[in-house]
Protein backbone atom coordinates (compact mmCIF):
# COMPACT_ATOMS: atom_id res chain seq x y z
CA MET A 1 70.95 116.89 62.68
CA SER A 2 69.97 116.11 66.36
CA PRO A 3 72.33 114.03 68.54
CA SER A 4 71.97 110.41 68.05
CA PRO A 5 71.06 108.53 71.40
CA ARG A 6 72.36 105.27 69.92
CA ARG A 7 75.41 106.90 68.73
CA PHE A 8 76.33 108.03 72.27
CA CYS A 9 75.20 104.51 73.79
CA LEU A 10 77.78 102.93 71.53
CA ARG A 11 80.36 105.53 72.26
CA GLN A 12 80.18 105.23 75.91
CA GLY A 13 79.86 101.54 75.70
CA THR A 14 83.21 101.33 73.55
CA TRP A 15 85.02 104.49 74.76
CA ALA A 16 87.69 102.69 76.98
CA THR A 17 88.56 100.03 74.42
CA HIS A 18 88.65 102.57 71.73
CA GLN A 19 91.05 104.80 73.48
CA GLU A 20 93.23 101.73 74.35
CA LEU A 21 93.35 100.89 70.26
CA ASP A 22 94.29 104.56 69.76
CA SER A 23 96.93 104.51 72.30
CA LEU A 24 98.22 101.38 70.96
CA ILE A 25 98.45 102.74 67.42
CA GLY A 26 99.89 106.05 68.56
CA PRO A 27 100.82 108.99 66.23
CA LEU A 28 101.86 108.17 62.74
CA ASN A 29 105.07 110.26 62.84
CA THR A 30 107.33 107.88 61.10
CA GLN A 31 107.36 105.57 58.26
CA ALA A 32 107.45 102.70 60.48
CA ALA A 33 104.56 103.82 62.56
CA TYR A 34 102.49 104.27 59.30
CA LYS A 35 103.42 101.07 58.04
CA ARG A 36 102.55 99.26 61.18
CA TYR A 37 99.11 101.11 61.10
CA LEU A 38 98.57 100.09 57.40
CA LEU A 39 99.10 96.61 57.97
CA ALA A 40 97.01 96.40 61.20
CA VAL A 41 94.06 98.37 59.76
CA TYR A 42 94.16 96.60 56.33
CA THR A 43 93.83 93.14 58.34
CA LEU A 44 90.55 94.61 59.98
CA ARG A 45 89.14 96.29 57.08
CA LYS A 46 89.82 93.42 54.59
CA SER A 47 88.09 90.95 57.35
CA PHE A 48 85.29 93.47 57.99
CA GLU A 49 84.73 93.76 54.03
CA THR A 50 84.63 89.97 53.26
CA ALA A 51 82.04 89.56 56.11
CA VAL A 52 79.95 92.33 54.87
CA ASN A 53 79.84 90.97 51.41
CA GLU A 54 77.96 87.99 52.64
CA VAL A 55 75.29 90.29 54.46
CA THR A 56 71.76 90.26 53.59
CA TRP A 57 71.12 94.02 54.08
CA PRO A 58 67.96 95.36 56.37
CA GLU A 59 65.29 96.94 54.72
CA HIS A 60 65.62 100.08 56.73
CA PHE A 61 69.44 100.51 55.17
CA ALA A 62 67.67 101.47 51.84
CA THR A 63 70.48 101.82 49.32
CA TRP A 64 73.19 102.97 51.99
CA ARG A 65 76.24 100.83 52.20
CA PRO A 66 79.39 101.07 54.05
CA THR A 67 82.66 102.56 52.55
CA MET A 68 84.96 99.86 51.09
CA LEU A 69 88.50 100.69 51.58
CA ALA A 70 90.67 97.17 51.09
CA ALA A 71 91.08 97.60 47.48
CA ALA A 72 92.82 101.20 48.03
CA MET A 73 94.65 99.78 50.98
CA GLU A 74 96.17 96.99 48.93
CA GLN A 75 97.30 99.69 46.67
CA ASP A 76 98.67 101.58 49.59
CA LEU A 77 100.62 98.45 50.90
CA ALA A 78 102.29 97.90 47.55
CA ASP A 79 103.46 101.50 47.35
CA LEU A 80 105.22 100.69 50.83
CA GLY A 81 106.64 97.27 49.47
CA LEU A 82 104.49 95.59 51.99
CA THR A 83 102.53 92.47 51.62
CA ALA A 84 99.06 92.30 52.61
CA PRO A 85 98.76 89.92 55.58
CA PRO A 86 96.33 87.20 55.91
CA VAL A 87 93.15 87.92 57.31
CA GLN A 88 90.92 86.06 59.89
CA PRO A 89 87.24 85.85 59.30
CA LEU A 90 84.80 87.78 61.20
CA PRO A 91 81.46 86.04 61.96
CA LEU A 92 80.07 88.74 63.62
CA PHE A 93 76.86 90.00 61.79
CA SER A 94 73.79 87.79 63.22
CA ASN A 95 71.48 90.42 63.06
CA ALA A 96 70.92 94.27 62.25
CA SER A 97 72.24 95.06 65.69
CA SER A 98 75.70 93.40 65.32
CA LEU A 99 75.98 94.86 62.06
CA LEU A 100 75.22 98.46 63.36
CA GLY A 101 77.77 97.73 65.98
CA ALA A 102 80.62 96.68 63.47
CA LEU A 103 79.47 99.78 61.13
CA TYR A 104 79.79 101.97 64.10
CA VAL A 105 83.61 100.84 64.27
CA THR A 106 84.56 101.13 60.62
CA GLU A 107 82.55 104.29 59.33
CA GLY A 108 83.52 106.10 62.68
CA ALA A 109 87.13 105.66 61.60
CA SER A 110 86.47 108.04 58.89
CA LEU A 111 86.41 110.71 61.67
CA GLY A 112 89.79 110.08 62.92
CA ALA A 113 90.82 109.77 59.53
CA ARG A 114 90.89 113.47 59.23
CA LEU A 115 93.88 113.87 61.56
CA LEU A 116 95.63 110.76 60.18
CA VAL A 117 95.49 112.18 56.46
CA ARG A 118 97.53 115.19 57.66
CA GLN A 119 99.81 112.95 59.58
CA ALA A 120 100.37 110.50 56.66
CA ALA A 121 100.72 113.74 54.39
CA SER A 122 103.71 114.85 56.47
CA LEU A 123 105.37 111.58 55.81
CA GLY A 124 104.82 111.99 51.95
CA MET A 125 101.86 109.78 51.62
CA THR A 126 99.09 111.24 49.34
CA ALA A 127 95.82 110.34 47.32
CA ASN A 128 98.30 108.88 44.78
CA PHE A 129 100.70 106.91 46.93
CA GLY A 130 100.25 105.43 50.37
CA ALA A 131 97.33 107.20 51.66
CA ARG A 132 94.68 106.46 48.99
CA HIS A 133 92.36 104.76 51.67
CA LEU A 134 92.75 108.01 53.93
CA THR A 135 91.89 110.23 51.13
CA GLN A 136 88.78 108.13 50.20
CA GLN A 137 87.42 108.19 53.79
CA VAL A 138 87.80 111.75 54.37
CA ALA A 139 86.41 112.52 50.73
CA GLU A 140 83.26 110.92 51.68
CA ASN A 141 81.74 113.81 53.92
CA GLU A 142 78.40 112.54 54.17
CA GLN A 143 78.93 108.83 54.73
CA TRP A 144 79.08 109.35 58.52
CA THR A 145 75.88 111.27 58.77
CA HIS A 146 73.97 108.80 56.54
CA PHE A 147 75.27 105.98 58.72
CA LEU A 148 74.00 107.79 61.70
CA THR A 149 70.40 108.16 60.33
CA VAL A 150 70.51 104.51 59.29
CA LEU A 151 71.51 103.79 62.94
CA ASP A 152 68.61 105.84 64.46
CA GLN A 153 66.16 104.48 62.07
CA ALA A 154 66.71 100.85 62.84
CA PRO A 155 63.28 99.42 63.80
CA GLU A 156 65.02 97.12 66.42
CA PHE A 157 68.17 97.93 68.12
CA ASP A 158 69.85 95.67 70.82
CA ASP A 159 72.51 98.18 72.17
CA THR A 160 74.21 95.46 74.22
CA LEU A 161 74.68 93.08 71.11
CA ALA A 162 75.74 96.29 69.20
CA ILE A 163 78.22 97.07 71.88
CA GLU A 164 79.72 93.96 72.21
CA THR A 165 80.08 93.40 68.39
CA ALA A 166 81.82 97.04 68.19
CA LEU A 167 84.19 95.78 71.18
CA SER A 168 84.96 92.68 69.32
CA LEU A 169 85.98 94.80 66.02
CA PHE A 170 88.13 96.95 68.46
CA SER A 171 89.68 93.85 70.01
CA TYR A 172 90.24 92.38 66.52
CA ALA A 173 92.04 95.70 65.62
CA MET A 174 94.17 95.33 68.61
CA ALA A 175 95.34 92.05 68.01
CA ALA A 176 96.06 93.19 64.31
CA VAL A 177 98.56 95.94 65.62
CA HIS A 178 100.25 93.16 67.60
CA ARG A 179 100.46 90.88 64.46
CA ALA A 180 101.92 93.77 62.52
CA ASP A 181 104.46 94.40 65.04
CA ALA A 182 105.47 90.65 64.70
CA ALA A 183 105.46 90.86 61.10
CA LEU A 184 107.56 94.15 60.78
CA GLU A 185 110.04 92.56 63.54
CA VAL A 186 110.41 89.40 61.24
CA GLN A 187 110.96 91.48 58.04
CA LYS A 188 113.28 93.89 59.79
CA HIS A 189 115.82 90.76 61.11
CA GLY A 190 114.85 88.39 58.39
């Protein structure tokens, strides 16, 4: 597959914010770090999936649809004795470009999931306990490649709008990490 110029445009436009989020989350090297990650990412995924369920899919998407992980994440949260946090709506998908920007973030997470699934495994998280969503992400090998095809075949693409939407999702995720920190602190101290 040839390099995707739209992918690289999105990557360049979101790189700093993406790195800030990765730094904020940090490595998943303790149970507490994993719980924090799971609470935050669930908030983003559930909000995204709720919003995307309302989408009228552009024709060029054909039968491709994003990976849905919220249900698996709810089971992972339950495994760890965590309550699914409330979510905020995401009114982001006004057209195909904004949808593609959001999908760049959510589908791109499957690339990072390859590292996270190993970190989770070192904490005892598996496909049957605590890491269902990560296992599901890494199992769907072709999903990212198919998304890039959809991205590159979009008949119209507003890179500025797509980048703005992607940045909004990264910012939402950072706010979710801070909310997870607050929730875990309350849980810790009653």
